[in-house]
Amino acid sequence: FGGKLDKSVLSFTERIATRAAKATEGDFRSPDDIAAWAESIC
């Protein structure tokens, strides 16, 4: 599933790591994707 990255809550070291990885800040979670996956398991 997509994740969430909020750089404002990261430590200095974590911010350096996310910058080096070129990680995109934002919330990429999808409740619809999670619900569909749970339904397929059921």
Full PDB file with SEQRES, HELIX, SHEET, SSBOND, CRYST1, ORIGX, SCALE, CONECT and MASTER records, all heavy atoms in Angstrom:
SEQRES   1 A   42  PHE GLY GLY LYS LEU ASP LYS SER VAL LEU SER PHE THR          
SEQRES   2 A   42  GLU ARG ILE ALA THR ARG ALA ALA LYS ALA THR GLU GLY          
SEQRES   3 A   42  ASP PHE ARG SER PRO ASP ASP ILE ALA ALA TRP ALA GLU          
SEQRES   4 A   42  SER ILE CYS                                                  
HELIX    1 AA1 LYS A    7  VAL A    9  5                                   3    
HELIX    2 AA2 PHE A   12  ALA A   20  1                                   9    
HELIX    3 AA3 PRO A   31  ILE A   41  1                                  11    
SHEET    1 AA1 2 LYS A   4  LEU A   5  0                                        
SHEET    2 AA1 2 GLY A  26  ASP A  27 -1                                        
CRYST1    1.000    1.000    1.000  90.00  90.00  90.00 P 1           1          
ORIGX1      1.000000  0.000000  0.000000        0.00000                         
ORIGX2      0.000000  1.000000  0.000000        0.00000                         
ORIGX3      0.000000  0.000000  1.000000        0.00000                         
SCALE1      1.000000  0.000000  0.000000        0.00000                         
SCALE2      0.000000  1.000000  0.000000        0.00000                         
SCALE3      0.000000  0.000000  1.000000        0.00000                         
ATOM      1  N   PHE A   1       0.839  -1.183   0.000  1.00  0.00           N  
ATOM      2  CA  PHE A   1       0.000   0.000   0.000  1.00  0.00           C  
ATOM      3  C   PHE A   1       0.881   1.242   0.000  1.00  0.00           C  
ATOM      4  O   PHE A   1       1.991   1.219   0.519  1.00  0.00           O  
ATOM      5  CB  PHE A   1      -0.897   0.027   1.247  1.00  0.00           C  
ATOM      6  CG  PHE A   1      -1.883  -1.091   1.284  1.00  0.00           C  
ATOM      7  CD1 PHE A   1      -1.659  -2.210   2.062  1.00  0.00           C  
ATOM      8  CD2 PHE A   1      -3.037  -1.031   0.524  1.00  0.00           C  
ATOM      9  CE1 PHE A   1      -2.567  -3.248   2.098  1.00  0.00           C  
ATOM     10  CE2 PHE A   1      -3.960  -2.065   0.545  1.00  0.00           C  
ATOM     11  CZ  PHE A   1      -3.726  -3.178   1.336  1.00  0.00           C  
ATOM     12  N   GLY A   2       0.349   2.309  -0.565  1.00  0.00           N  
ATOM     13  CA  GLY A   2       1.055   3.578  -0.515  1.00  0.00           C  
ATOM     14  C   GLY A   2       1.226   4.026   0.925  1.00  0.00           C  
ATOM     15  O   GLY A   2       0.441   3.662   1.805  1.00  0.00           O  
ATOM     16  N   GLY A   3       2.231   4.794   1.171  1.00  0.00           N  
ATOM     17  CA  GLY A   3       2.505   5.267   2.520  1.00  0.00           C  
ATOM     18  C   GLY A   3       2.284   6.754   2.676  1.00  0.00           C  
ATOM     19  O   GLY A   3       1.664   7.406   1.832  1.00  0.00           O  
ATOM     20  N   LYS A   4       2.790   7.275   3.753  1.00  0.00           N  
ATOM     21  CA  LYS A   4       2.663   8.702   4.061  1.00  0.00           C  
ATOM     22  C   LYS A   4       4.014   9.194   4.552  1.00  0.00           C  
ATOM     23  O   LYS A   4       4.665   8.535   5.363  1.00  0.00           O  
ATOM     24  CB  LYS A   4       1.619   8.915   5.156  1.00  0.00           C  
ATOM     25  CG  LYS A   4       1.500  10.358   5.595  1.00  0.00           C  
ATOM     26  CD  LYS A   4       0.490  10.508   6.720  1.00  0.00           C  
ATOM     27  CE  LYS A   4       0.467  11.946   7.201  1.00  0.00           C  
ATOM     28  NZ  LYS A   4      -0.428  12.109   8.346  1.00  0.00           N  
ATOM     29  N   LEU A   5       4.419  10.330   4.052  1.00  0.00           N  
ATOM     30  CA  LEU A   5       5.654  10.949   4.510  1.00  0.00           C  
ATOM     31  C   LEU A   5       5.375  12.397   4.885  1.00  0.00           C  
ATOM     32  O   LEU A   5       4.958  13.191   4.049  1.00  0.00           O  
ATOM     33  CB  LEU A   5       6.739  10.900   3.426  1.00  0.00           C  
ATOM     34  CG  LEU A   5       8.056  11.590   3.763  1.00  0.00           C  
ATOM     35  CD1 LEU A   5       8.693  10.972   5.011  1.00  0.00           C  
ATOM     36  CD2 LEU A   5       9.006  11.517   2.581  1.00  0.00           C  
ATOM     37  N   ASP A   6       5.559  12.693   6.155  1.00  0.00           N  
ATOM     38  CA  ASP A   6       5.410  14.049   6.685  1.00  0.00           C  
ATOM     39  C   ASP A   6       6.777  14.445   7.243  1.00  0.00           C  
ATOM     40  O   ASP A   6       7.146  14.050   8.351  1.00  0.00           O  
ATOM     41  CB  ASP A   6       4.345  14.074   7.776  1.00  0.00           C  
ATOM     42  CG  ASP A   6       4.138  15.451   8.382  1.00  0.00           C  
ATOM     43  OD1 ASP A   6       4.895  16.391   8.040  1.00  0.00           O  
ATOM     44  OD2 ASP A   6       3.220  15.587   9.203  1.00  0.00           O  
ATOM     45  N   LYS A   7       7.529  15.194   6.463  1.00  0.00           N  
ATOM     46  CA  LYS A   7       8.897  15.540   6.843  1.00  0.00           C  
ATOM     47  C   LYS A   7       8.963  16.384   8.111  1.00  0.00           C  
ATOM     48  O   LYS A   7       9.982  16.409   8.784  1.00  0.00           O  
ATOM     49  CB  LYS A   7       9.610  16.242   5.688  1.00  0.00           C  
ATOM     50  CG  LYS A   7       9.850  15.313   4.511  1.00  0.00           C  
ATOM     51  CD  LYS A   7      10.576  16.013   3.385  1.00  0.00           C  
ATOM     52  CE  LYS A   7      10.751  15.071   2.204  1.00  0.00           C  
ATOM     53  NZ  LYS A   7      11.427  15.717   1.074  1.00  0.00           N  
ATOM     54  N   SER A   8       7.858  17.026   8.476  1.00  0.00           N  
ATOM     55  CA  SER A   8       7.869  17.879   9.663  1.00  0.00           C  
ATOM     56  C   SER A   8       8.009  17.082  10.964  1.00  0.00           C  
ATOM     57  O   SER A   8       8.369  17.640  11.997  1.00  0.00           O  
ATOM     58  CB  SER A   8       6.605  18.743   9.724  1.00  0.00           C  
ATOM     59  OG  SER A   8       5.465  17.946  10.017  1.00  0.00           O  
ATOM     60  N   VAL A   9       7.731  15.787  10.920  1.00  0.00           N  
ATOM     61  CA  VAL A   9       7.825  14.973  12.135  1.00  0.00           C  
ATOM     62  C   VAL A   9       9.090  14.112  12.161  1.00  0.00           C  
ATOM     63  O   VAL A   9       9.283  13.325  13.078  1.00  0.00           O  
ATOM     64  CB  VAL A   9       6.571  14.081  12.320  1.00  0.00           C  
ATOM     65  CG1 VAL A   9       5.318  14.927  12.468  1.00  0.00           C  
ATOM     66  CG2 VAL A   9       6.435  13.091  11.185  1.00  0.00           C  
ATOM     67  N   LEU A  10       9.944  14.266  11.171  1.00  0.00           N  
ATOM     68  CA  LEU A  10      11.156  13.461  11.087  1.00  0.00           C  
ATOM     69  C   LEU A  10      12.308  14.078  11.863  1.00  0.00           C  
ATOM     70  O   LEU A  10      12.394  15.300  12.002  1.00  0.00           O  
ATOM     71  CB  LEU A  10      11.584  13.303   9.619  1.00  0.00           C  
ATOM     72  CG  LEU A  10      10.597  12.632   8.680  1.00  0.00           C  
ATOM     73  CD1 LEU A  10      11.177  12.577   7.275  1.00  0.00           C  
ATOM     74  CD2 LEU A  10      10.219  11.244   9.170  1.00  0.00           C  
ATOM     75  N   SER A  11      13.196  13.217  12.327  1.00  0.00           N  
ATOM     76  CA  SER A  11      14.424  13.697  12.970  1.00  0.00           C  
ATOM     77  C   SER A  11      15.365  14.231  11.889  1.00  0.00           C  
ATOM     78  O   SER A  11      15.145  14.026  10.686  1.00  0.00           O  
ATOM     79  CB  SER A  11      15.112  12.547  13.713  1.00  0.00           C  
ATOM     80  OG  SER A  11      15.642  11.609  12.771  1.00  0.00           O  
ATOM     81  N   PHE A  12      16.418  14.873  12.300  1.00  0.00           N  
ATOM     82  CA  PHE A  12      17.405  15.396  11.361  1.00  0.00           C  
ATOM     83  C   PHE A  12      17.963  14.278  10.479  1.00  0.00           C  
ATOM     84  O   PHE A  12      18.038  14.414   9.254  1.00  0.00           O  
ATOM     85  CB  PHE A  12      18.532  16.098  12.128  1.00  0.00           C  
ATOM     86  CG  PHE A  12      19.634  16.601  11.241  1.00  0.00           C  
ATOM     87  CD1 PHE A  12      19.433  17.707  10.435  1.00  0.00           C  
ATOM     88  CD2 PHE A  12      20.856  15.952  11.208  1.00  0.00           C  
ATOM     89  CE1 PHE A  12      20.449  18.171   9.603  1.00  0.00           C  
ATOM     90  CE2 PHE A  12      21.877  16.414  10.388  1.00  0.00           C  
ATOM     91  CZ  PHE A  12      21.671  17.515   9.583  1.00  0.00           C  
ATOM     92  N   THR A  13      18.307  13.166  11.085  1.00  0.00           N  
ATOM     93  CA  THR A  13      18.858  12.029  10.341  1.00  0.00           C  
ATOM     94  C   THR A  13      17.840  11.470   9.358  1.00  0.00           C  
ATOM     95  O   THR A  13      18.184  11.137   8.211  1.00  0.00           O  
ATOM     96  CB  THR A  13      19.322  10.925  11.317  1.00  0.00           C  
ATOM     97  OG1 THR A  13      20.243  11.484  12.250  1.00  0.00           O  
ATOM     98  CG2 THR A  13      19.970   9.773  10.586  1.00  0.00           C  
ATOM     99  N   GLU A  14      16.599  11.366   9.776  1.00  0.00           N  
ATOM    100  CA  GLU A  14      15.547  10.853   8.886  1.00  0.00           C  
ATOM    101  C   GLU A  14      15.327  11.809   7.710  1.00  0.00           C  
ATOM    102  O   GLU A  14      15.096  11.359   6.587  1.00  0.00           O  
ATOM    103  CB  GLU A  14      14.247  10.653   9.664  1.00  0.00           C  
ATOM    104  CG  GLU A  14      14.325   9.517  10.660  1.00  0.00           C  
ATOM    105  CD  GLU A  14      13.158   9.503  11.631  1.00  0.00           C  
ATOM    106  OE1 GLU A  14      12.624  10.588  11.963  1.00  0.00           O  
ATOM    107  OE2 GLU A  14      12.792   8.405  12.071  1.00  0.00           O  
ATOM    108  N   ARG A  15      15.390  13.112   7.961  1.00  0.00           N  
ATOM    109  CA  ARG A  15      15.229  14.077   6.870  1.00  0.00           C  
ATOM    110  C   ARG A  15      16.365  13.951   5.862  1.00  0.00           C  
ATOM    111  O   ARG A  15      16.149  14.029   4.651  1.00  0.00           O  
ATOM    112  CB  ARG A  15      15.135  15.507   7.413  1.00  0.00           C  
ATOM    113  CG  ARG A  15      13.791  15.800   8.075  1.00  0.00           C  
ATOM    114  CD  ARG A  15      13.567  17.285   8.321  1.00  0.00           C  
ATOM    115  NE  ARG A  15      14.632  17.925   9.072  1.00  0.00           N  
ATOM    116  CZ  ARG A  15      14.702  17.989  10.401  1.00  0.00           C  
ATOM    117  NH1 ARG A  15      13.767  17.425  11.136  1.00  0.00           N  
ATOM    118  NH2 ARG A  15      15.706  18.613  10.989  1.00  0.00           N  
ATOM    119  N   ILE A  16      17.580  13.740   6.342  1.00  0.00           N  
ATOM    120  CA  ILE A  16      18.715  13.536   5.436  1.00  0.00           C  
ATOM    121  C   ILE A  16      18.486  12.276   4.586  1.00  0.00           C  
ATOM    122  O   ILE A  16      18.704  12.289   3.366  1.00  0.00           O  
ATOM    123  CB  ILE A  16      20.041  13.438   6.222  1.00  0.00           C  
ATOM    124  CG1 ILE A  16      20.396  14.799   6.806  1.00  0.00           C  
ATOM    125  CG2 ILE A  16      21.170  12.926   5.335  1.00  0.00           C  
ATOM    126  CD1 ILE A  16      21.572  14.765   7.759  1.00  0.00           C  
ATOM    127  N   ALA A  17      18.041  11.209   5.223  1.00  0.00           N  
ATOM    128  CA  ALA A  17      17.812   9.956   4.499  1.00  0.00           C  
ATOM    129  C   ALA A  17      16.715  10.109   3.454  1.00  0.00           C  
ATOM    130  O   ALA A  17      16.857   9.624   2.325  1.00  0.00           O  
ATOM    131  CB  ALA A  17      17.462   8.835   5.472  1.00  0.00           C  
ATOM    132  N   THR A  18      15.629  10.781   3.790  1.00  0.00           N  
ATOM    133  CA  THR A  18      14.548  10.953   2.815  1.00  0.00           C  
ATOM    134  C   THR A  18      14.972  11.873   1.675  1.00  0.00           C  
ATOM    135  O   THR A  18      14.564  11.673   0.537  1.00  0.00           O  
ATOM    136  CB  THR A  18      13.259  11.492   3.466  1.00  0.00           C  
ATOM    137  OG1 THR A  18      13.532  12.733   4.117  1.00  0.00           O  
ATOM    138  CG2 THR A  18      12.676  10.496   4.447  1.00  0.00           C  
ATOM    139  N   ARG A  19      15.802  12.857   1.983  1.00  0.00           N  
ATOM    140  CA  ARG A  19      16.315  13.727   0.928  1.00  0.00           C  
ATOM    141  C   ARG A  19      17.229  12.929  -0.008  1.00  0.00           C  
ATOM    142  O   ARG A  19      17.135  13.043  -1.233  1.00  0.00           O  
ATOM    143  CB  ARG A  19      17.071  14.917   1.521  1.00  0.00           C  
ATOM    144  CG  ARG A  19      17.451  15.962   0.478  1.00  0.00           C  
ATOM    145  CD  ARG A  19      18.110  17.197   1.085  1.00  0.00           C  
ATOM    146  NE  ARG A  19      17.276  17.785   2.134  1.00  0.00           N  
ATOM    147  CZ  ARG A  19      17.694  18.008   3.382  1.00  0.00           C  
ATOM    148  NH1 ARG A  19      18.925  17.722   3.746  1.00  0.00           N  
ATOM    149  NH2 ARG A  19      16.887  18.540   4.263  1.00  0.00           N  
ATOM    150  N   ALA A  20      18.095  12.096   0.555  1.00  0.00           N  
ATOM    151  CA  ALA A  20      19.007  11.276  -0.257  1.00  0.00           C  
ATOM    152  C   ALA A  20      18.231  10.283  -1.129  1.00  0.00           C  
ATOM    153  O   ALA A  20      18.624  10.003  -2.263  1.00  0.00           O  
ATOM    154  CB  ALA A  20      19.985  10.531   0.636  1.00  0.00           C  
ATOM    155  N   ALA A  21      17.122   9.777  -0.611  1.00  0.00           N  
ATOM    156  CA  ALA A  21      16.296   8.825  -1.360  1.00  0.00           C  
ATOM    157  C   ALA A  21      15.340   9.524  -2.330  1.00  0.00           C  
ATOM    158  O   ALA A  21      14.614   8.864  -3.075  1.00  0.00           O  
ATOM    159  CB  ALA A  21      15.497   7.961  -0.391  1.00  0.00           C  
ATOM    160  N   LYS A  22      15.327  10.851  -2.290  1.00  0.00           N  
ATOM    161  CA  LYS A  22      14.421  11.649  -3.121  1.00  0.00           C  
ATOM    162  C   LYS A  22      12.958  11.262  -2.887  1.00  0.00           C  
ATOM    163  O   LYS A  22      12.160  11.162  -3.819  1.00  0.00           O  
ATOM    164  CB  LYS A  22      14.798  11.539  -4.595  1.00  0.00           C  
ATOM    165  CG  LYS A  22      16.193  12.056  -4.877  1.00  0.00           C  
ATOM    166  CD  LYS A  22      16.564  11.934  -6.330  1.00  0.00           C  
ATOM    167  CE  LYS A  22      17.991  12.429  -6.514  1.00  0.00           C  
ATOM    168  NZ  LYS A  22      18.522  12.144  -7.811  1.00  0.00           N  
ATOM    169  N   ALA A  23      12.634  11.009  -1.622  1.00  0.00           N  
ATOM    170  CA  ALA A  23      11.278  10.620  -1.243  1.00  0.00           C  
ATOM    171  C   ALA A  23      10.341  11.816  -1.360  1.00  0.00           C  
ATOM    172  O   ALA A  23      10.696  12.945  -1.014  1.00  0.00           O  
ATOM    173  CB  ALA A  23      11.268  10.076   0.180  1.00  0.00           C  
ATOM    174  N   THR A  24       9.155  11.550  -1.841  1.00  0.00           N  
ATOM    175  CA  THR A  24       8.152  12.587  -2.042  1.00  0.00           C  
ATOM    176  C   THR A  24       7.283  12.721  -0.804  1.00  0.00           C  
ATOM    177  O   THR A  24       6.736  11.737  -0.316  1.00  0.00           O  
ATOM    178  CB  THR A  24       7.257  12.229  -3.248  1.00  0.00           C  
ATOM    179  OG1 THR A  24       8.083  12.020  -4.380  1.00  0.00           O  
ATOM    180  CG2 THR A  24       6.253  13.323  -3.533  1.00  0.00           C  
ATOM    181  N   GLU A  25       7.161  13.940  -0.317  1.00  0.00           N  
ATOM    182  CA  GLU A  25       6.308  14.182   0.840  1.00  0.00           C  
ATOM    183  C   GLU A  25       4.841  14.135   0.415  1.00  0.00           C  
ATOM    184  O   GLU A  25       4.471  14.596  -0.658  1.00  0.00           O  
ATOM    185  CB  GLU A  25       6.626  15.544   1.464  1.00  0.00           C  
ATOM    186  CG  GLU A  25       5.885  15.798   2.747  1.00  0.00           C  
ATOM    187  CD  GLU A  25       6.440  16.991   3.519  1.00  0.00           C  
ATOM    188  OE1 GLU A  25       7.079  17.862   2.907  1.00  0.00           O  
ATOM    189  OE2 GLU A  25       6.225  17.034   4.734  1.00  0.00           O  
ATOM    190  N   GLY A  26       4.027  13.541   1.258  1.00  0.00           N  
ATOM    191  CA  GLY A  26       2.594  13.494   0.990  1.00  0.00           C  
ATOM    192  C   GLY A  26       1.963  12.248   1.575  1.00  0.00           C  
ATOM    193  O   GLY A  26       2.631  11.388   2.142  1.00  0.00           O  
ATOM    194  N   ASP A  27       0.668  12.160   1.420  1.00  0.00           N  
ATOM    195  CA  ASP A  27      -0.107  11.016   1.914  1.00  0.00           C  
ATOM    196  C   ASP A  27      -0.623  10.253   0.702  1.00  0.00           C  
ATOM    197  O   ASP A  27      -1.505  10.726  -0.015  1.00  0.00           O  
ATOM    198  CB  ASP A  27      -1.263  11.505   2.782  1.00  0.00           C  
ATOM    199  CG  ASP A  27      -2.004  10.379   3.486  1.00  0.00           C  
ATOM    200  OD1 ASP A  27      -1.799   9.206   3.110  1.00  0.00           O  
ATOM    201  OD2 ASP A  27      -2.781  10.674   4.411  1.00  0.00           O  
ATOM    202  N   PHE A  28      -0.067   9.088   0.470  1.00  0.00           N  
ATOM    203  CA  PHE A  28      -0.412   8.277  -0.699  1.00  0.00           C  
ATOM    204  C   PHE A  28      -1.201   7.030  -0.318  1.00  0.00           C  
ATOM    205  O   PHE A  28      -1.311   6.093  -1.095  1.00  0.00           O  
ATOM    206  CB  PHE A  28       0.874   7.899  -1.463  1.00  0.00           C  
ATOM    207  CG  PHE A  28       1.634   9.114  -1.897  1.00  0.00           C  
ATOM    208  CD1 PHE A  28       2.672   9.617  -1.131  1.00  0.00           C  
ATOM    209  CD2 PHE A  28       1.284   9.785  -3.052  1.00  0.00           C  
ATOM    210  CE1 PHE A  28       3.364  10.749  -1.514  1.00  0.00           C  
ATOM    211  CE2 PHE A  28       1.966  10.929  -3.451  1.00  0.00           C  
ATOM    212  CZ  PHE A  28       3.017  11.406  -2.681  1.00  0.00           C  
ATOM    213  N   ARG A  29      -1.751   7.039   0.897  1.00  0.00           N  
ATOM    214  CA  ARG A  29      -2.574   5.907   1.347  1.00  0.00           C  
ATOM    215  C   ARG A  29      -3.925   5.962   0.632  1.00  0.00           C  
ATOM    216  O   ARG A  29      -4.420   7.030   0.317  1.00  0.00           O  
ATOM    217  CB  ARG A  29      -2.763   5.960   2.852  1.00  0.00           C  
ATOM    218  CG  ARG A  29      -1.442   5.839   3.607  1.00  0.00           C  
ATOM    219  CD  ARG A  29      -1.606   6.065   5.081  1.00  0.00           C  
ATOM    220  NE  ARG A  29      -1.985   7.454   5.330  1.00  0.00           N  
ATOM    221  CZ  ARG A  29      -2.155   7.975   6.531  1.00  0.00           C  
ATOM    222  NH1 ARG A  29      -1.961   7.234   7.599  1.00  0.00           N  
ATOM    223  NH2 ARG A  29      -2.502   9.238   6.684  1.00  0.00           N  
ATOM    224  N   SER A  30      -4.507   4.780   0.387  1.00  0.00           N  
ATOM    225  CA  SER A  30      -5.789   4.717  -0.304  1.00  0.00           C  
ATOM    226  C   SER A  30      -6.756   3.826   0.475  1.00  0.00           C  
ATOM    227  O   SER A  30      -6.641   2.601   0.424  1.00  0.00           O  
ATOM    228  CB  SER A  30      -5.610   4.156  -1.719  1.00  0.00           C  
ATOM    229  OG  SER A  30      -6.870   3.884  -2.296  1.00  0.00           O  
ATOM    230  N   PRO A  31      -7.707   4.425   1.178  1.00  0.00           N  
ATOM    231  CA  PRO A  31      -8.690   3.615   1.898  1.00  0.00           C  
ATOM    232  C   PRO A  31      -9.465   2.670   0.970  1.00  0.00           C  
ATOM    233  O   PRO A  31      -9.804   1.553   1.358  1.00  0.00           O  
ATOM    234  CB  PRO A  31      -9.624   4.651   2.530  1.00  0.00           C  
ATOM    235  CG  PRO A  31      -8.788   5.890   2.635  1.00  0.00           C  
ATOM    236  CD  PRO A  31      -7.875   5.857   1.443  1.00  0.00           C  
ATOM    237  N   ASP A  32      -9.724   3.097  -0.272  1.00  0.00           N  
ATOM    238  CA  ASP A  32     -10.446   2.236  -1.210  1.00  0.00           C  
ATOM    239  C   ASP A  32      -9.621   1.002  -1.581  1.00  0.00           C  
ATOM    240  O   ASP A  32     -10.151  -0.099  -1.682  1.00  0.00           O  
ATOM    241  CB  ASP A  32     -10.811   3.009  -2.479  1.00  0.00           C  
ATOM    242  CG  ASP A  32     -11.851   4.091  -2.224  1.00  0.00           C  
ATOM    243  OD1 ASP A  32     -12.591   3.989  -1.216  1.00  0.00           O  
ATOM    244  OD2 ASP A  32     -11.919   5.037  -3.025  1.00  0.00           O  
ATOM    245  N   ASP A  33      -8.317   1.186  -1.768  1.00  0.00           N  
ATOM    246  CA  ASP A  33      -7.424   0.072  -2.075  1.00  0.00           C  
ATOM    247  C   ASP A  33      -7.378  -0.910  -0.907  1.00  0.00           C  
ATOM    248  O   ASP A  33      -7.433  -2.132  -1.093  1.00  0.00           O  
ATOM    249  CB  ASP A  33      -6.029   0.602  -2.396  1.00  0.00           C  
ATOM    250  CG  ASP A  33      -5.094  -0.448  -2.969  1.00  0.00           C  
ATOM    251  OD1 ASP A  33      -5.572  -1.470  -3.506  1.00  0.00           O  
ATOM    252  OD2 ASP A  33      -3.864  -0.249  -2.892  1.00  0.00           O  
ATOM    253  N   ILE A  34      -7.300  -0.384   0.307  1.00  0.00           N  
ATOM    254  CA  ILE A  34      -7.265  -1.230   1.506  1.00  0.00           C  
ATOM    255  C   ILE A  34      -8.567  -2.012   1.644  1.00  0.00           C  
ATOM    256  O   ILE A  34      -8.556  -3.224   1.890  1.00  0.00           O  
ATOM    257  CB  ILE A  34      -6.998  -0.377   2.763  1.00  0.00           C  
ATOM    258  CG1 ILE A  34      -5.596   0.239   2.673  1.00  0.00           C  
ATOM    259  CG2 ILE A  34      -7.168  -1.193   4.038  1.00  0.00           C  
ATOM    260  CD1 ILE A  34      -5.339   1.339   3.684  1.00  0.00           C  
ATOM    261  N   ALA A  35      -9.703  -1.344   1.445  1.00  0.00           N  
ATOM    262  CA  ALA A  35     -11.003  -2.014   1.560  1.00  0.00           C  
ATOM    263  C   ALA A  35     -11.175  -3.096   0.497  1.00  0.00           C  
ATOM    264  O   ALA A  35     -11.676  -4.191   0.788  1.00  0.00           O  
ATOM    265  CB  ALA A  35     -12.133  -0.986   1.458  1.00  0.00           C  
ATOM    266  N   ALA A  36     -10.743  -2.819  -0.719  1.00  0.00           N  
ATOM    267  CA  ALA A  36     -10.855  -3.815  -1.789  1.00  0.00           C  
ATOM    268  C   ALA A  36      -9.974  -5.024  -1.496  1.00  0.00           C  
ATOM    269  O   ALA A  36     -10.381  -6.173  -1.732  1.00  0.00           O  
ATOM    270  CB  ALA A  36     -10.469  -3.189  -3.135  1.00  0.00           C  
ATOM    271  N   TRP A  37      -8.777  -4.790  -0.965  1.00  0.00           N  
ATOM    272  CA  TRP A  37      -7.885  -5.889  -0.634  1.00  0.00           C  
ATOM    273  C   TRP A  37      -8.469  -6.734   0.494  1.00  0.00           C  
ATOM    274  O   TRP A  37      -8.457  -7.963   0.436  1.00  0.00           O  
ATOM    275  CB  TRP A  37      -6.506  -5.346  -0.256  1.00  0.00           C  
ATOM    276  CG  TRP A  37      -5.461  -6.404  -0.099  1.00  0.00           C  
ATOM    277  CD1 TRP A  37      -4.972  -7.230  -1.066  1.00  0.00           C  
ATOM    278  CD2 TRP A  37      -4.771  -6.748   1.093  1.00  0.00           C  
ATOM    279  NE1 TRP A  37      -4.001  -8.057  -0.544  1.00  0.00           N  
ATOM    280  CE2 TRP A  37      -3.863  -7.777   0.783  1.00  0.00           C  
ATOM    281  CE3 TRP A  37      -4.818  -6.272   2.398  1.00  0.00           C  
ATOM    282  CZ2 TRP A  37      -3.015  -8.348   1.727  1.00  0.00           C  
ATOM    283  CZ3 TRP A  37      -3.969  -6.834   3.338  1.00  0.00           C  
ATOM    284  CH2 TRP A  37      -3.085  -7.858   2.998  1.00  0.00           C  
ATOM    285  N   ALA A  38      -9.017  -6.086   1.512  1.00  0.00           N  
ATOM    286  CA  ALA A  38      -9.645  -6.812   2.622  1.00  0.00           C  
ATOM    287  C   ALA A  38     -10.824  -7.641   2.125  1.00  0.00           C  
ATOM    288  O   ALA A  38     -11.013  -8.786   2.548  1.00  0.00           O  
ATOM    289  CB  ALA A  38     -10.089  -5.833   3.702  1.00  0.00           C  
ATOM    290  N   GLU A  39     -11.610  -7.090   1.216  1.00  0.00           N  
ATOM    291  CA  GLU A  39     -12.749  -7.828   0.650  1.00  0.00           C  
ATOM    292  C   GLU A  39     -12.268  -9.054  -0.128  1.00  0.00           C  
ATOM    293  O   GLU A  39     -12.880 -10.122  -0.049  1.00  0.00           O  
ATOM    294  CB  GLU A  39     -13.578  -6.916  -0.245  1.00  0.00           C  
ATOM    295  CG  GLU A  39     -14.817  -7.579  -0.829  1.00  0.00           C  
ATOM    296  CD  GLU A  39     -15.790  -8.084   0.222  1.00  0.00           C  
ATOM    297  OE1 GLU A  39     -15.964  -7.416   1.260  1.00  0.00           O  
ATOM    298  OE2 GLU A  39     -16.392  -9.160   0.010  1.00  0.00           O  
ATOM    299  N   SER A  40     -11.167  -8.915  -0.856  1.00  0.00           N  
ATOM    300  CA  SER A  40     -10.650 -10.064  -1.605  1.00  0.00           C  
ATOM    301  C   SER A  40     -10.176 -11.162  -0.660  1.00  0.00           C  
ATOM    302  O   SER A  40     -10.339 -12.355  -0.945  1.00  0.00           O  
ATOM    303  CB  SER A  40      -9.529  -9.643  -2.564  1.00  0.00           C  
ATOM    304  OG  SER A  40      -8.338  -9.352  -1.874  1.00  0.00           O  
ATOM    305  N   ILE A  41      -9.624 -10.786   0.483  1.00  0.00           N  
ATOM    306  CA  ILE A  41      -9.213 -11.786   1.472  1.00  0.00           C  
ATOM    307  C   ILE A  41     -10.445 -12.499   2.024  1.00  0.00           C  
ATOM    308  O   ILE A  41     -10.456 -13.738   2.143  1.00  0.00           O  
ATOM    309  CB  ILE A  41      -8.404 -11.130   2.624  1.00  0.00           C  
ATOM    310  CG1 ILE A  41      -7.067 -10.624   2.088  1.00  0.00           C  
ATOM    311  CG2 ILE A  41      -8.204 -12.108   3.772  1.00  0.00           C  
ATOM    312  CD1 ILE A  41      -6.285  -9.793   3.092  1.00  0.00           C  
ATOM    313  N   CYS A  42     -11.494 -11.737   2.333  1.00  0.00           N  
ATOM    314  CA  CYS A  42     -12.737 -12.346   2.848  1.00  0.00           C  
ATOM    315  C   CYS A  42     -13.306 -13.334   1.843  1.00  0.00           C  
ATOM    316  O   CYS A  42     -13.731 -14.436   2.207  1.00  0.00           O  
ATOM    317  CB  CYS A  42     -13.760 -11.263   3.179  1.00  0.00           C  
ATOM    318  SG  CYS A  42     -13.326 -10.264   4.610  1.00  0.00           S  
TER     319      CYS A  42                                                      
MASTER        0    0    0    3    2    0    0    6  318    1    0    4          
END                                                                             
